[in-house]
Amino acid sequence: MHQSPQAPAVIVGVDGSAPSILALRWAGSLAPLFQTPIKAVTAWQFQIAAGTFTPVVWNPEEEARIRCAEAVARAFGGASPEGLEMMLRLGPAAKILIEESQHARLLNVGSRGHGGFEGLLLGAVSAAVAAHARCSVLIAHGTELPPELSLAFGPSRSRTKANDGGPGAEA
């Protein structure tokens, strides 16, 4: 795959949730069609403790780095697509992803992240990027890639379940 040095990437919002892992898999299938790299973006923020105890050893940036790396490993079974870049940014996820969309070919997000209310079809971040992104947005729903796209992983990488280790997930 030939990429120009400034090729716009397929941006993926990654928080480690099953929908964000599915969004990574969508990106893995679509990026070759666009002949562009994937940029997995994890936003992080300092949490303000409401009480007298603040953990001294907690490092939110390192926690975000681990969460992103684990999500990428689960999405691609340890064989990341060529050119995949992991990026950590300090700030609110929706704001960061909207900023990144200015130079993107496509922005992929899961329908729901870790926060919010169970049962909603669309989370706050996915709704915000759908309304304000500067590029096309794909919002991944469900737990599997469509069969036509799962073929992009090839026989040895046919993992399609977003929630690895769950029922129906392949080893």
N, C-alpha and C. Protein backbone atom coordinates (compact mmCIF):
# COMPACT_ATOMS: atom_id res chain seq x y z
N MET A 1 0.85 -1.16 0.00
CA MET A 1 0.00 0.00 0.00
C MET A 1 0.90 1.23 0.00
N HIS A 2 0.72 2.09 -0.96
CA HIS A 2 1.53 3.30 -1.07
C HIS A 2 0.81 4.44 -0.37
N GLN A 3 1.50 5.09 0.56
CA GLN A 3 0.90 6.20 1.30
C GLN A 3 1.79 7.42 1.14
N SER A 4 1.16 8.55 0.88
CA SER A 4 1.94 9.78 0.87
C SER A 4 2.23 10.15 2.32
N PRO A 5 3.31 10.90 2.58
CA PRO A 5 3.68 11.21 3.96
C PRO A 5 2.58 11.95 4.72
N GLN A 6 1.75 12.69 4.01
CA GLN A 6 0.71 13.46 4.67
C GLN A 6 -0.69 12.91 4.39
N ALA A 7 -0.77 11.62 4.10
CA ALA A 7 -2.06 11.01 3.80
C ALA A 7 -2.98 11.15 5.01
N PRO A 8 -4.22 11.56 4.77
CA PRO A 8 -5.16 11.63 5.89
C PRO A 8 -5.43 10.23 6.43
N ALA A 9 -5.52 10.11 7.71
CA ALA A 9 -5.69 8.80 8.35
C ALA A 9 -7.17 8.48 8.58
N VAL A 10 -7.43 7.22 8.83
CA VAL A 10 -8.70 6.80 9.40
C VAL A 10 -8.50 6.91 10.90
N ILE A 11 -9.23 7.82 11.53
CA ILE A 11 -9.13 8.06 12.97
C ILE A 11 -10.12 7.16 13.69
N VAL A 12 -9.68 6.57 14.80
CA VAL A 12 -10.57 5.72 15.60
C VAL A 12 -10.52 6.20 17.04
N GLY A 13 -11.67 6.50 17.61
CA GLY A 13 -11.76 6.82 19.03
C GLY A 13 -11.72 5.53 19.83
N VAL A 14 -10.73 5.41 20.72
CA VAL A 14 -10.52 4.17 21.45
C VAL A 14 -10.58 4.43 22.95
N ASP A 15 -11.51 3.76 23.63
CA ASP A 15 -11.57 3.83 25.09
C ASP A 15 -11.49 2.46 25.74
N GLY A 16 -11.28 1.43 24.91
CA GLY A 16 -11.17 0.07 25.43
C GLY A 16 -12.49 -0.67 25.52
N SER A 17 -13.60 0.00 25.24
CA SER A 17 -14.90 -0.66 25.29
C SER A 17 -15.07 -1.57 24.07
N ALA A 18 -16.01 -2.53 24.17
CA ALA A 18 -16.27 -3.43 23.05
C ALA A 18 -16.64 -2.66 21.78
N PRO A 19 -17.49 -1.61 21.85
CA PRO A 19 -17.78 -0.87 20.62
C PRO A 19 -16.55 -0.18 20.02
N SER A 20 -15.60 0.28 20.84
CA SER A 20 -14.41 0.92 20.27
C SER A 20 -13.49 -0.12 19.63
N ILE A 21 -13.49 -1.34 20.16
CA ILE A 21 -12.72 -2.42 19.54
C ILE A 21 -13.33 -2.77 18.18
N LEU A 22 -14.65 -2.78 18.11
CA LEU A 22 -15.31 -3.01 16.83
C LEU A 22 -14.99 -1.87 15.85
N ALA A 23 -14.96 -0.64 16.33
CA ALA A 23 -14.60 0.50 15.47
C ALA A 23 -13.17 0.34 14.92
N LEU A 24 -12.26 -0.17 15.74
CA LEU A 24 -10.91 -0.46 15.26
C LEU A 24 -10.94 -1.50 14.14
N ARG A 25 -11.76 -2.52 14.30
CA ARG A 25 -11.83 -3.56 13.27
C ARG A 25 -12.42 -3.01 11.97
N TRP A 26 -13.42 -2.14 12.09
CA TRP A 26 -13.95 -1.47 10.89
C TRP A 26 -12.81 -0.71 10.20
N ALA A 27 -12.03 0.02 10.98
CA ALA A 27 -10.91 0.78 10.41
C ALA A 27 -9.91 -0.14 9.73
N GLY A 28 -9.64 -1.29 10.35
CA GLY A 28 -8.72 -2.25 9.76
C GLY A 28 -9.20 -2.76 8.41
N SER A 29 -10.51 -2.83 8.23
CA SER A 29 -11.07 -3.27 6.95
C SER A 29 -11.13 -2.15 5.92
N LEU A 30 -11.38 -0.93 6.37
CA LEU A 30 -11.59 0.19 5.45
C LEU A 30 -10.33 0.96 5.08
N ALA A 31 -9.37 1.04 5.97
CA ALA A 31 -8.16 1.82 5.69
C ALA A 31 -7.44 1.37 4.41
N PRO A 32 -7.34 0.06 4.14
CA PRO A 32 -6.69 -0.34 2.88
C PRO A 32 -7.44 0.18 1.64
N LEU A 33 -8.75 0.28 1.73
CA LEU A 33 -9.52 0.80 0.60
C LEU A 33 -9.19 2.26 0.33
N PHE A 34 -8.94 3.02 1.40
CA PHE A 34 -8.58 4.42 1.27
C PHE A 34 -7.07 4.61 1.07
N GLN A 35 -6.32 3.54 1.19
CA GLN A 35 -4.85 3.59 1.12
C GLN A 35 -4.30 4.62 2.10
N THR A 36 -4.75 4.48 3.33
CA THR A 36 -4.38 5.43 4.37
C THR A 36 -4.13 4.69 5.69
N PRO A 37 -3.32 5.24 6.55
CA PRO A 37 -3.05 4.58 7.84
C PRO A 37 -4.21 4.74 8.82
N ILE A 38 -4.10 4.04 9.92
CA ILE A 38 -5.07 4.13 11.01
C ILE A 38 -4.40 4.86 12.17
N LYS A 39 -5.15 5.76 12.78
CA LYS A 39 -4.67 6.45 13.97
C LYS A 39 -5.67 6.17 15.10
N ALA A 40 -5.25 5.37 16.08
CA ALA A 40 -6.08 5.05 17.24
C ALA A 40 -5.85 6.13 18.28
N VAL A 41 -6.90 6.88 18.59
CA VAL A 41 -6.79 8.04 19.48
C VAL A 41 -7.51 7.76 20.79
N THR A 42 -6.78 7.89 21.88
CA THR A 42 -7.35 7.75 23.22
C THR A 42 -7.18 9.07 23.95
N ALA A 43 -8.30 9.64 24.36
CA ALA A 43 -8.28 10.89 25.13
C ALA A 43 -8.26 10.53 26.61
N TRP A 44 -7.59 11.37 27.39
CA TRP A 44 -7.54 11.14 28.83
C TRP A 44 -7.62 12.47 29.54
N GLN A 45 -8.06 12.41 30.78
CA GLN A 45 -8.19 13.61 31.60
C GLN A 45 -7.81 13.28 33.03
N PHE A 46 -7.38 14.30 33.76
CA PHE A 46 -7.19 14.14 35.19
C PHE A 46 -8.56 14.13 35.84
N GLN A 47 -8.75 13.22 36.78
CA GLN A 47 -10.00 13.16 37.52
C GLN A 47 -9.82 13.90 38.83
N ILE A 48 -10.81 14.67 39.18
CA ILE A 48 -10.76 15.41 40.44
C ILE A 48 -11.42 14.53 41.51
N ALA A 49 -10.68 14.27 42.56
CA ALA A 49 -11.20 13.44 43.64
C ALA A 49 -12.11 14.26 44.53
N ALA A 50 -13.27 13.69 44.81
CA ALA A 50 -14.22 14.36 45.69
C ALA A 50 -14.13 13.69 47.06
N GLY A 51 -13.17 14.09 47.82
CA GLY A 51 -12.96 13.49 49.12
C GLY A 51 -11.55 13.79 49.58
N THR A 52 -11.13 13.07 50.58
CA THR A 52 -9.82 13.35 51.14
C THR A 52 -8.72 12.47 50.58
N PHE A 53 -9.09 11.43 49.80
CA PHE A 53 -8.08 10.51 49.30
C PHE A 53 -7.82 10.75 47.81
N THR A 54 -6.61 11.02 47.45
CA THR A 54 -6.19 11.10 46.06
C THR A 54 -5.03 10.14 45.87
N PRO A 55 -5.19 9.14 44.97
CA PRO A 55 -4.10 8.17 44.79
C PRO A 55 -2.84 8.87 44.30
N VAL A 56 -1.74 8.57 44.96
CA VAL A 56 -0.47 9.19 44.63
C VAL A 56 0.18 8.54 43.41
N VAL A 57 0.00 7.24 43.25
CA VAL A 57 0.67 6.51 42.21
C VAL A 57 -0.13 6.42 40.90
N TRP A 58 -1.32 6.98 40.85
CA TRP A 58 -2.16 6.90 39.67
C TRP A 58 -1.62 7.80 38.57
N ASN A 59 -1.45 7.24 37.38
CA ASN A 59 -0.96 7.98 36.23
C ASN A 59 -1.98 7.83 35.10
N PRO A 60 -2.87 8.81 34.92
CA PRO A 60 -3.94 8.65 33.93
C PRO A 60 -3.43 8.52 32.49
N GLU A 61 -2.31 9.15 32.17
CA GLU A 61 -1.78 9.02 30.82
C GLU A 61 -1.28 7.59 30.57
N GLU A 62 -0.60 7.01 31.55
CA GLU A 62 -0.14 5.63 31.41
C GLU A 62 -1.32 4.67 31.34
N GLU A 63 -2.35 4.92 32.13
CA GLU A 63 -3.55 4.10 32.09
C GLU A 63 -4.19 4.16 30.70
N ALA A 64 -4.24 5.35 30.11
CA ALA A 64 -4.78 5.52 28.75
C ALA A 64 -3.92 4.78 27.73
N ARG A 65 -2.61 4.84 27.88
CA ARG A 65 -1.69 4.15 26.96
C ARG A 65 -1.95 2.64 27.01
N ILE A 66 -2.08 2.10 28.20
CA ILE A 66 -2.33 0.67 28.37
C ILE A 66 -3.69 0.30 27.77
N ARG A 67 -4.71 1.10 28.05
CA ARG A 67 -6.06 0.84 27.54
C ARG A 67 -6.06 0.82 26.01
N CYS A 68 -5.37 1.77 25.39
CA CYS A 68 -5.30 1.84 23.92
C CYS A 68 -4.56 0.63 23.35
N ALA A 69 -3.41 0.30 23.93
CA ALA A 69 -2.61 -0.83 23.45
C ALA A 69 -3.38 -2.14 23.59
N GLU A 70 -4.07 -2.33 24.70
CA GLU A 70 -4.85 -3.55 24.90
C GLU A 70 -6.00 -3.64 23.91
N ALA A 71 -6.66 -2.51 23.63
CA ALA A 71 -7.77 -2.49 22.67
C ALA A 71 -7.26 -2.84 21.27
N VAL A 72 -6.13 -2.28 20.87
CA VAL A 72 -5.55 -2.58 19.56
C VAL A 72 -5.20 -4.07 19.49
N ALA A 73 -4.60 -4.61 20.54
CA ALA A 73 -4.24 -6.04 20.56
C ALA A 73 -5.49 -6.91 20.46
N ARG A 74 -6.55 -6.56 21.17
CA ARG A 74 -7.79 -7.35 21.10
C ARG A 74 -8.44 -7.23 19.73
N ALA A 75 -8.39 -6.04 19.15
CA ALA A 75 -9.04 -5.83 17.86
C ALA A 75 -8.37 -6.62 16.74
N PHE A 76 -7.04 -6.71 16.78
CA PHE A 76 -6.31 -7.29 15.67
C PHE A 76 -5.55 -8.56 16.04
N GLY A 77 -5.84 -9.11 17.19
CA GLY A 77 -5.21 -10.37 17.58
C GLY A 77 -3.70 -10.30 17.66
N GLY A 78 -3.17 -9.16 18.02
CA GLY A 78 -1.73 -9.01 18.15
C GLY A 78 -1.00 -8.68 16.86
N ALA A 79 -1.70 -8.67 15.72
CA ALA A 79 -1.08 -8.36 14.43
C ALA A 79 -1.69 -7.07 13.90
N SER A 80 -1.22 -5.94 14.40
CA SER A 80 -1.78 -4.64 14.02
C SER A 80 -1.54 -4.35 12.54
N PRO A 81 -2.48 -3.64 11.92
CA PRO A 81 -2.28 -3.25 10.51
C PRO A 81 -1.04 -2.39 10.35
N GLU A 82 -0.41 -2.50 9.20
CA GLU A 82 0.77 -1.71 8.90
C GLU A 82 0.43 -0.23 9.00
N GLY A 83 1.30 0.53 9.65
CA GLY A 83 1.12 1.97 9.74
C GLY A 83 0.19 2.44 10.85
N LEU A 84 -0.34 1.52 11.65
CA LEU A 84 -1.23 1.94 12.74
C LEU A 84 -0.44 2.74 13.76
N GLU A 85 -0.98 3.88 14.13
CA GLU A 85 -0.35 4.76 15.13
C GLU A 85 -1.30 4.92 16.30
N MET A 86 -0.76 4.80 17.50
CA MET A 86 -1.55 5.06 18.70
C MET A 86 -1.21 6.45 19.20
N MET A 87 -2.24 7.23 19.50
CA MET A 87 -2.04 8.61 19.94
C MET A 87 -2.83 8.84 21.22
N LEU A 88 -2.18 9.46 22.20
CA LEU A 88 -2.83 9.84 23.44
C LEU A 88 -2.95 11.36 23.46
N ARG A 89 -4.13 11.86 23.84
CA ARG A 89 -4.30 13.31 23.91
C ARG A 89 -5.03 13.66 25.19
N LEU A 90 -4.57 14.70 25.83
CA LEU A 90 -5.19 15.20 27.06
C LEU A 90 -6.39 16.06 26.69
N GLY A 91 -7.56 15.72 27.22
CA GLY A 91 -8.74 16.53 26.99
C GLY A 91 -9.98 15.67 26.84
N PRO A 92 -11.13 16.33 26.67
CA PRO A 92 -12.39 15.59 26.49
C PRO A 92 -12.39 14.84 25.15
N ALA A 93 -12.88 13.61 25.17
CA ALA A 93 -12.83 12.75 23.98
C ALA A 93 -13.50 13.39 22.76
N ALA A 94 -14.70 13.91 22.91
CA ALA A 94 -15.41 14.48 21.75
C ALA A 94 -14.61 15.63 21.14
N LYS A 95 -14.09 16.51 21.96
CA LYS A 95 -13.32 17.66 21.47
C LYS A 95 -12.07 17.19 20.72
N ILE A 96 -11.36 16.24 21.30
CA ILE A 96 -10.13 15.72 20.69
C ILE A 96 -10.44 15.08 19.34
N LEU A 97 -11.47 14.24 19.28
CA LEU A 97 -11.80 13.55 18.03
C LEU A 97 -12.27 14.52 16.95
N ILE A 98 -13.03 15.52 17.33
CA ILE A 98 -13.46 16.53 16.37
C ILE A 98 -12.26 17.29 15.82
N GLU A 99 -11.30 17.62 16.67
CA GLU A 99 -10.07 18.27 16.20
C GLU A 99 -9.32 17.36 15.24
N GLU A 100 -9.18 16.09 15.58
CA GLU A 100 -8.47 15.14 14.72
C GLU A 100 -9.18 14.94 13.38
N SER A 101 -10.49 15.11 13.36
CA SER A 101 -11.26 14.89 12.13
C SER A 101 -10.94 15.91 11.04
N GLN A 102 -10.34 17.03 11.41
CA GLN A 102 -10.01 18.06 10.43
C GLN A 102 -9.04 17.56 9.37
N HIS A 103 -8.23 16.58 9.70
CA HIS A 103 -7.22 16.07 8.76
C HIS A 103 -7.41 14.56 8.54
N ALA A 104 -8.65 14.10 8.64
CA ALA A 104 -8.92 12.66 8.55
C ALA A 104 -9.69 12.33 7.27
N ARG A 105 -9.53 11.12 6.82
CA ARG A 105 -10.33 10.59 5.71
C ARG A 105 -11.68 10.12 6.25
N LEU A 106 -11.64 9.52 7.46
CA LEU A 106 -12.83 8.95 8.07
C LEU A 106 -12.60 8.91 9.58
N LEU A 107 -13.66 9.11 10.35
CA LEU A 107 -13.59 9.01 11.81
C LEU A 107 -14.50 7.87 12.23
N ASN A 108 -13.94 6.88 12.92
CA ASN A 108 -14.69 5.72 13.41
C ASN A 108 -14.81 5.81 14.93
N VAL A 109 -16.01 5.60 15.42
CA VAL A 109 -16.23 5.51 16.87
C VAL A 109 -17.22 4.39 17.13
N GLY A 110 -17.17 3.86 18.33
CA GLY A 110 -18.19 2.91 18.75
C GLY A 110 -19.45 3.64 19.14
N SER A 111 -20.56 2.94 19.12
CA SER A 111 -21.83 3.57 19.45
C SER A 111 -21.93 3.98 20.91
N ARG A 112 -21.21 3.29 21.78
CA ARG A 112 -21.24 3.57 23.21
C ARG A 112 -19.85 3.35 23.77
N GLY A 113 -19.50 4.13 24.76
CA GLY A 113 -18.23 3.94 25.44
C GLY A 113 -18.44 3.36 26.82
N HIS A 114 -17.49 3.61 27.71
CA HIS A 114 -17.58 3.09 29.07
C HIS A 114 -18.53 3.88 29.96
N GLY A 115 -18.73 5.14 29.66
CA GLY A 115 -19.55 5.98 30.54
C GLY A 115 -21.02 5.94 30.19
N GLY A 116 -21.76 6.79 30.86
CA GLY A 116 -23.15 7.00 30.48
C GLY A 116 -24.12 5.98 31.04
N PHE A 117 -25.24 5.90 30.34
CA PHE A 117 -26.37 5.11 30.80
C PHE A 117 -26.54 3.88 29.94
N GLU A 118 -26.70 2.74 30.58
CA GLU A 118 -26.88 1.48 29.88
C GLU A 118 -28.18 1.53 29.07
N GLY A 119 -28.16 0.98 27.87
CA GLY A 119 -29.37 0.88 27.07
C GLY A 119 -29.52 1.98 26.02
N LEU A 120 -28.75 3.05 26.12
CA LEU A 120 -28.84 4.09 25.09
C LEU A 120 -28.23 3.56 23.80
N LEU A 121 -28.78 3.98 22.67
CA LEU A 121 -28.27 3.53 21.39
C LEU A 121 -27.04 4.32 20.95
N LEU A 122 -26.89 5.53 21.45
CA LEU A 122 -25.80 6.39 21.03
C LEU A 122 -25.26 7.13 22.25
N GLY A 123 -23.95 7.08 22.42
CA GLY A 123 -23.32 7.78 23.54
C GLY A 123 -23.08 9.24 23.23
N ALA A 124 -22.69 10.00 24.23
CA ALA A 124 -22.47 11.44 24.08
C ALA A 124 -21.33 11.74 23.12
N VAL A 125 -20.25 10.99 23.18
CA VAL A 125 -19.10 11.25 22.29
C VAL A 125 -19.48 10.94 20.85
N SER A 126 -20.10 9.78 20.61
CA SER A 126 -20.47 9.43 19.23
C SER A 126 -21.48 10.41 18.67
N ALA A 127 -22.42 10.89 19.48
CA ALA A 127 -23.39 11.88 19.02
C ALA A 127 -22.70 13.20 18.68
N ALA A 128 -21.75 13.62 19.52
CA ALA A 128 -21.05 14.88 19.28
C ALA A 128 -20.20 14.82 18.02
N VAL A 129 -19.47 13.73 17.81
CA VAL A 129 -18.63 13.67 16.61
C VAL A 129 -19.49 13.53 15.36
N ALA A 130 -20.61 12.84 15.45
CA ALA A 130 -21.50 12.74 14.29
C ALA A 130 -22.01 14.12 13.88
N ALA A 131 -22.25 14.97 14.85
CA ALA A 131 -22.78 16.31 14.56
C ALA A 131 -21.71 17.31 14.14
N HIS A 132 -20.48 17.14 14.62
CA HIS A 132 -19.49 18.22 14.44
C HIS A 132 -18.20 17.84 13.72
N ALA A 133 -18.00 16.58 13.39
CA ALA A 133 -16.75 16.18 12.72
C ALA A 133 -16.62 16.85 11.36
N ARG A 134 -15.38 17.02 10.93
CA ARG A 134 -15.07 17.66 9.64
C ARG A 134 -14.85 16.64 8.53
N CYS A 135 -15.16 15.38 8.80
CA CYS A 135 -15.04 14.32 7.80
C CYS A 135 -16.22 13.37 8.01
N SER A 136 -16.32 12.37 7.17
CA SER A 136 -17.37 11.37 7.34
C SER A 136 -17.13 10.59 8.62
N VAL A 137 -18.22 10.15 9.24
CA VAL A 137 -18.15 9.44 10.52
C VAL A 137 -18.83 8.08 10.38
N LEU A 138 -18.16 7.04 10.86
CA LEU A 138 -18.76 5.72 10.94
C LEU A 138 -18.96 5.40 12.42
N ILE A 139 -20.19 5.10 12.80
CA ILE A 139 -20.50 4.73 14.18
C ILE A 139 -20.79 3.24 14.20
N ALA A 140 -19.92 2.48 14.84
CA ALA A 140 -20.01 1.02 14.86
C ALA A 140 -21.02 0.57 15.90
N HIS A 141 -22.00 -0.19 15.46
CA HIS A 141 -23.01 -0.79 16.34
C HIS A 141 -22.83 -2.30 16.32
N GLY A 142 -23.30 -2.95 17.35
CA GLY A 142 -23.27 -4.41 17.38
C GLY A 142 -21.96 -4.94 17.94
N THR A 143 -21.70 -6.21 17.63
CA THR A 143 -20.51 -6.87 18.16
C THR A 143 -19.63 -7.47 17.08
N GLU A 144 -20.09 -7.46 15.82
CA GLU A 144 -19.34 -8.12 14.77
C GLU A 144 -19.25 -7.25 13.52
N LEU A 145 -18.17 -7.45 12.78
CA LEU A 145 -18.09 -6.88 11.44
C LEU A 145 -19.05 -7.64 10.54
N PRO A 146 -19.57 -7.00 9.49
CA PRO A 146 -20.33 -7.76 8.51
C PRO A 146 -19.43 -8.85 7.91
N PRO A 147 -19.98 -9.98 7.52
CA PRO A 147 -19.16 -11.08 6.99
C PRO A 147 -18.27 -10.65 5.83
N GLU A 148 -18.76 -9.75 4.99
CA GLU A 148 -17.97 -9.30 3.84
C GLU A 148 -16.70 -8.59 4.28
N LEU A 149 -16.77 -7.84 5.37
CA LEU A 149 -15.59 -7.13 5.86
C LEU A 149 -14.69 -8.02 6.70
N SER A 150 -15.25 -8.99 7.37
CA SER A 150 -14.41 -9.86 8.19
C SER A 150 -13.45 -10.66 7.34
N LEU A 151 -13.73 -10.82 6.05
CA LEU A 151 -12.82 -11.51 5.15
C LEU A 151 -11.51 -10.75 4.99
N ALA A 152 -11.54 -9.44 5.24
CA ALA A 152 -10.33 -8.63 5.12
C ALA A 152 -9.26 -9.09 6.10
N PHE A 153 -9.66 -9.77 7.18
CA PHE A 153 -8.70 -10.25 8.15
C PHE A 153 -8.00 -11.51 7.68
N GLY A 154 -8.54 -12.18 6.68
CA GLY A 154 -7.93 -13.41 6.18
C GLY A 154 -8.23 -14.57 7.09
N PRO A 155 -7.92 -15.79 6.66
CA PRO A 155 -8.26 -16.99 7.44
C PRO A 155 -7.66 -17.00 8.84
N SER A 156 -6.44 -16.51 8.98
CA SER A 156 -5.81 -16.56 10.30
C SER A 156 -6.22 -15.40 11.19
N ARG A 157 -6.93 -14.43 10.62
CA ARG A 157 -7.33 -13.26 11.42
C ARG A 157 -8.82 -13.03 11.27
N SER A 158 -9.60 -14.08 11.27
CA SER A 158 -11.03 -13.95 11.02
C SER A 158 -11.82 -13.61 12.27
N ARG A 159 -11.17 -13.10 13.28
CA ARG A 159 -11.83 -12.73 14.52
C ARG A 159 -12.79 -11.59 14.24
N THR A 160 -14.05 -11.77 14.59
CA THR A 160 -15.01 -10.71 14.33
C THR A 160 -15.72 -10.24 15.59
N LYS A 161 -15.67 -10.99 16.65
CA LYS A 161 -16.35 -10.57 17.87
C LYS A 161 -15.60 -9.42 18.52
N ALA A 162 -16.33 -8.36 18.87
CA ALA A 162 -15.70 -7.20 19.50
C ALA A 162 -15.35 -7.48 20.96
N ASN A 163 -16.09 -8.34 21.60
CA ASN A 163 -15.86 -8.63 23.00
C ASN A 163 -15.12 -9.95 23.12
N ASP A 164 -13.81 -9.93 22.87
CA ASP A 164 -13.03 -11.16 22.89
C ASP A 164 -13.21 -11.92 24.20
N GLY A 165 -13.27 -13.20 24.08
CA GLY A 165 -13.40 -14.05 25.24
C GLY A 165 -14.85 -14.30 25.62
N GLY A 166 -15.77 -13.57 24.99
CA GLY A 166 -17.18 -13.76 25.28
C GLY A 166 -17.74 -14.90 24.46
N PRO A 167 -19.05 -15.16 24.62
CA PRO A 167 -19.68 -16.23 23.87
C PRO A 167 -19.51 -16.00 22.37
N GLY A 168 -19.10 -17.00 21.67
CA GLY A 168 -18.94 -16.91 20.22
C GLY A 168 -17.62 -16.33 19.79
N ALA A 169 -16.82 -15.84 20.70
CA ALA A 169 -15.52 -15.28 20.33
C ALA A 169 -14.57 -16.41 19.99
N GLU A 170 -13.71 -16.18 19.01
CA GLU A 170 -12.74 -17.19 18.63
C GLU A 170 -11.48 -17.04 19.44
N ALA A 171 -10.78 -18.12 19.66
CA ALA A 171 -9.54 -18.08 20.43
C ALA A 171 -8.40 -17.59 19.60
